[in-house]
Amino acid sequence: MSQRTIDARLGLPAVYRPRPARGLGGFLVAVVRRGVAWYRTGRRMRRAVDELMALDDRTLADIGITRSDIAFAVRRDRRREV
């Protein structure tokens, strides 16, 4: 039984597993894709930090974080998405 079948039966989300790169061209494509994904993730995280920083302290308290916890909260949430 394949891992994909086991994951589907357990109700686990499908995990993206890239195929091994083939030759130098495949390697370069993989590097560029990872770079683009890293850049997009960084942009999303910076945007989330900026939006949370724009909130007042009372609203942040309602959410359950302080101003000093914003960067940590954004990084921690990003790991949950993966």
N, C-alpha and C. Protein backbone atom coordinates (compact mmCIF):
# COMPACT_ATOMS: atom_id res chain seq x y z
N MET A 1 0.86 -1.18 0.00
CA MET A 1 0.00 0.00 0.00
C MET A 1 0.90 1.23 0.00
N SER A 2 0.60 2.18 -0.86
CA SER A 2 1.45 3.37 -0.97
C SER A 2 1.16 4.36 0.16
N GLN A 3 2.11 5.25 0.38
CA GLN A 3 1.95 6.26 1.42
C GLN A 3 0.77 7.17 1.12
N ARG A 4 0.55 7.48 -0.15
CA ARG A 4 -0.58 8.32 -0.53
C ARG A 4 -1.91 7.67 -0.15
N THR A 5 -2.02 6.36 -0.36
CA THR A 5 -3.24 5.64 -0.01
C THR A 5 -3.45 5.63 1.50
N ILE A 6 -2.38 5.43 2.24
CA ILE A 6 -2.47 5.44 3.70
C ILE A 6 -2.90 6.81 4.19
N ASP A 7 -2.29 7.87 3.65
CA ASP A 7 -2.66 9.24 4.04
C ASP A 7 -4.12 9.52 3.73
N ALA A 8 -4.60 9.07 2.57
CA ALA A 8 -5.99 9.31 2.18
C ALA A 8 -6.95 8.58 3.12
N ARG A 9 -6.61 7.36 3.49
CA ARG A 9 -7.49 6.60 4.39
C ARG A 9 -7.53 7.20 5.79
N LEU A 10 -6.42 7.79 6.22
CA LEU A 10 -6.38 8.42 7.53
C LEU A 10 -6.95 9.83 7.51
N GLY A 11 -7.23 10.35 6.33
CA GLY A 11 -7.77 11.70 6.21
C GLY A 11 -6.71 12.77 6.33
N LEU A 12 -5.45 12.41 6.12
CA LEU A 12 -4.38 13.38 6.20
C LEU A 12 -4.29 14.17 4.90
N PRO A 13 -3.88 15.44 4.98
CA PRO A 13 -3.77 16.24 3.75
C PRO A 13 -2.65 15.71 2.87
N ALA A 14 -2.82 15.89 1.59
CA ALA A 14 -1.79 15.48 0.65
C ALA A 14 -0.59 16.40 0.80
N VAL A 15 0.58 15.82 0.86
CA VAL A 15 1.81 16.59 1.03
C VAL A 15 2.50 16.67 -0.32
N TYR A 16 2.91 17.87 -0.67
CA TYR A 16 3.61 18.04 -1.94
C TYR A 16 5.02 17.51 -1.80
N ARG A 17 5.34 16.54 -2.60
CA ARG A 17 6.70 16.01 -2.63
C ARG A 17 7.21 16.12 -4.05
N PRO A 18 8.13 17.07 -4.27
CA PRO A 18 8.62 17.24 -5.64
C PRO A 18 9.41 16.03 -6.11
N ARG A 19 9.36 15.80 -7.40
CA ARG A 19 10.13 14.72 -7.98
C ARG A 19 11.61 15.08 -7.93
N PRO A 20 12.47 14.09 -7.88
CA PRO A 20 13.90 14.40 -7.90
C PRO A 20 14.27 15.13 -9.19
N ALA A 21 15.15 16.09 -9.06
CA ALA A 21 15.57 16.87 -10.23
C ALA A 21 16.33 15.98 -11.20
N ARG A 22 16.12 16.23 -12.47
CA ARG A 22 16.80 15.45 -13.51
C ARG A 22 17.81 16.36 -14.21
N GLY A 23 19.07 16.13 -13.95
CA GLY A 23 20.12 16.88 -14.60
C GLY A 23 20.20 18.30 -14.07
N LEU A 24 21.05 19.08 -14.71
CA LEU A 24 21.28 20.46 -14.30
C LEU A 24 20.05 21.33 -14.51
N GLY A 25 19.32 21.13 -15.60
CA GLY A 25 18.12 21.92 -15.87
C GLY A 25 17.06 21.72 -14.80
N GLY A 26 16.83 20.47 -14.43
CA GLY A 26 15.85 20.18 -13.38
C GLY A 26 16.28 20.75 -12.05
N PHE A 27 17.57 20.70 -11.77
CA PHE A 27 18.10 21.26 -10.54
C PHE A 27 17.87 22.77 -10.49
N LEU A 28 18.16 23.44 -11.58
CA LEU A 28 17.98 24.90 -11.62
C LEU A 28 16.51 25.28 -11.49
N VAL A 29 15.62 24.51 -12.11
CA VAL A 29 14.19 24.78 -11.98
C VAL A 29 13.76 24.62 -10.52
N ALA A 30 14.25 23.58 -9.86
CA ALA A 30 13.90 23.35 -8.45
C ALA A 30 14.41 24.49 -7.58
N VAL A 31 15.61 24.97 -7.84
CA VAL A 31 16.18 26.07 -7.05
C VAL A 31 15.36 27.34 -7.25
N VAL A 32 14.98 27.63 -8.47
CA VAL A 32 14.19 28.83 -8.75
C VAL A 32 12.82 28.73 -8.08
N ARG A 33 12.19 27.56 -8.15
CA ARG A 33 10.88 27.37 -7.51
C ARG A 33 10.96 27.57 -6.01
N ARG A 34 11.99 27.00 -5.40
CA ARG A 34 12.15 27.19 -3.96
C ARG A 34 12.40 28.65 -3.62
N GLY A 35 13.18 29.33 -4.43
CA GLY A 35 13.45 30.75 -4.20
C GLY A 35 12.18 31.59 -4.30
N VAL A 36 11.37 31.30 -5.29
CA VAL A 36 10.10 32.02 -5.45
C VAL A 36 9.17 31.74 -4.28
N ALA A 37 9.09 30.49 -3.85
CA ALA A 37 8.24 30.13 -2.70
C ALA A 37 8.74 30.83 -1.44
N TRP A 38 10.05 30.87 -1.24
CA TRP A 38 10.63 31.53 -0.07
C TRP A 38 10.30 33.02 -0.09
N TYR A 39 10.44 33.65 -1.26
CA TYR A 39 10.15 35.08 -1.40
C TYR A 39 8.67 35.37 -1.11
N ARG A 40 7.77 34.57 -1.68
CA ARG A 40 6.34 34.78 -1.46
C ARG A 40 5.96 34.59 0.00
N THR A 41 6.54 33.58 0.65
CA THR A 41 6.26 33.36 2.06
C THR A 41 6.74 34.54 2.89
N GLY A 42 7.90 35.04 2.59
CA GLY A 42 8.42 36.20 3.30
C GLY A 42 7.55 37.42 3.12
N ARG A 43 7.07 37.64 1.91
CA ARG A 43 6.17 38.77 1.65
C ARG A 43 4.88 38.65 2.44
N ARG A 44 4.30 37.44 2.44
CA ARG A 44 3.06 37.23 3.20
C ARG A 44 3.27 37.47 4.69
N MET A 45 4.40 37.01 5.20
CA MET A 45 4.68 37.20 6.62
C MET A 45 4.88 38.68 6.94
N ARG A 46 5.61 39.40 6.10
CA ARG A 46 5.79 40.84 6.34
C ARG A 46 4.47 41.58 6.27
N ARG A 47 3.62 41.19 5.33
CA ARG A 47 2.31 41.84 5.21
C ARG A 47 1.47 41.58 6.46
N ALA A 48 1.52 40.35 6.97
CA ALA A 48 0.76 40.02 8.18
C ALA A 48 1.28 40.80 9.39
N VAL A 49 2.60 40.92 9.51
CA VAL A 49 3.18 41.70 10.60
C VAL A 49 2.76 43.15 10.49
N ASP A 50 2.81 43.72 9.29
CA ASP A 50 2.40 45.12 9.10
C ASP A 50 0.94 45.34 9.47
N GLU A 51 0.08 44.40 9.08
CA GLU A 51 -1.34 44.54 9.41
C GLU A 51 -1.58 44.45 10.91
N LEU A 52 -0.89 43.54 11.58
CA LEU A 52 -1.07 43.42 13.02
C LEU A 52 -0.48 44.63 13.75
N MET A 53 0.63 45.16 13.26
CA MET A 53 1.23 46.35 13.88
C MET A 53 0.32 47.56 13.75
N ALA A 54 -0.53 47.58 12.74
CA ALA A 54 -1.43 48.72 12.54
C ALA A 54 -2.60 48.70 13.53
N LEU A 55 -2.84 47.56 14.18
CA LEU A 55 -3.93 47.47 15.14
C LEU A 55 -3.55 48.15 16.46
N ASP A 56 -4.55 48.62 17.18
CA ASP A 56 -4.26 49.22 18.48
C ASP A 56 -4.08 48.13 19.54
N ASP A 57 -3.56 48.53 20.71
CA ASP A 57 -3.24 47.56 21.76
C ASP A 57 -4.48 46.82 22.28
N ARG A 58 -5.59 47.49 22.32
CA ARG A 58 -6.81 46.85 22.81
C ARG A 58 -7.25 45.72 21.87
N THR A 59 -7.20 45.96 20.58
CA THR A 59 -7.57 44.93 19.61
C THR A 59 -6.61 43.75 19.68
N LEU A 60 -5.31 44.05 19.83
CA LEU A 60 -4.33 42.97 19.97
C LEU A 60 -4.60 42.14 21.23
N ALA A 61 -4.99 42.82 22.31
CA ALA A 61 -5.31 42.09 23.55
C ALA A 61 -6.52 41.19 23.33
N ASP A 62 -7.50 41.65 22.54
CA ASP A 62 -8.66 40.81 22.25
C ASP A 62 -8.26 39.56 21.46
N ILE A 63 -7.28 39.70 20.59
CA ILE A 63 -6.78 38.56 19.82
C ILE A 63 -6.00 37.62 20.72
N GLY A 64 -5.36 38.18 21.75
CA GLY A 64 -4.59 37.36 22.68
C GLY A 64 -3.09 37.46 22.50
N ILE A 65 -2.62 38.53 21.84
CA ILE A 65 -1.18 38.72 21.68
C ILE A 65 -0.83 40.15 22.07
N THR A 66 0.44 40.34 22.37
CA THR A 66 0.93 41.69 22.64
C THR A 66 1.73 42.14 21.43
N ARG A 67 2.07 43.41 21.42
CA ARG A 67 2.80 43.95 20.28
C ARG A 67 4.16 43.26 20.12
N SER A 68 4.77 42.89 21.23
CA SER A 68 6.08 42.23 21.15
C SER A 68 5.97 40.78 20.67
N ASP A 69 4.78 40.19 20.67
CA ASP A 69 4.59 38.80 20.24
C ASP A 69 4.20 38.67 18.78
N ILE A 70 4.04 39.77 18.08
CA ILE A 70 3.51 39.72 16.72
C ILE A 70 4.38 38.89 15.78
N ALA A 71 5.67 39.17 15.75
CA ALA A 71 6.56 38.45 14.82
C ALA A 71 6.56 36.95 15.12
N PHE A 72 6.61 36.60 16.41
CA PHE A 72 6.59 35.19 16.78
C PHE A 72 5.28 34.53 16.38
N ALA A 73 4.17 35.22 16.60
CA ALA A 73 2.86 34.66 16.27
C ALA A 73 2.74 34.42 14.77
N VAL A 74 3.25 35.33 13.97
CA VAL A 74 3.18 35.17 12.51
C VAL A 74 4.05 34.00 12.07
N ARG A 75 5.25 33.88 12.60
CA ARG A 75 6.13 32.76 12.24
C ARG A 75 5.53 31.43 12.67
N ARG A 76 4.96 31.37 13.87
CA ARG A 76 4.37 30.13 14.38
C ARG A 76 3.19 29.71 13.51
N ASP A 77 2.36 30.65 13.10
CA ASP A 77 1.21 30.33 12.26
C ASP A 77 1.65 29.84 10.90
N ARG A 78 2.75 30.36 10.37
CA ARG A 78 3.23 29.93 9.07
C ARG A 78 3.61 28.46 9.12
N ARG A 79 4.21 28.00 10.21
CA ARG A 79 4.59 26.60 10.32
C ARG A 79 3.37 25.69 10.37
N ARG A 80 2.26 26.17 10.87
CA ARG A 80 1.04 25.34 10.91
C ARG A 80 0.49 25.11 9.52
N GLU A 81 0.69 26.05 8.61
CA GLU A 81 0.16 25.92 7.25
C GLU A 81 0.89 24.85 6.46
N VAL A 82 2.14 24.65 6.78
CA VAL A 82 2.96 23.72 6.00
C VAL A 82 2.61 22.32 6.25
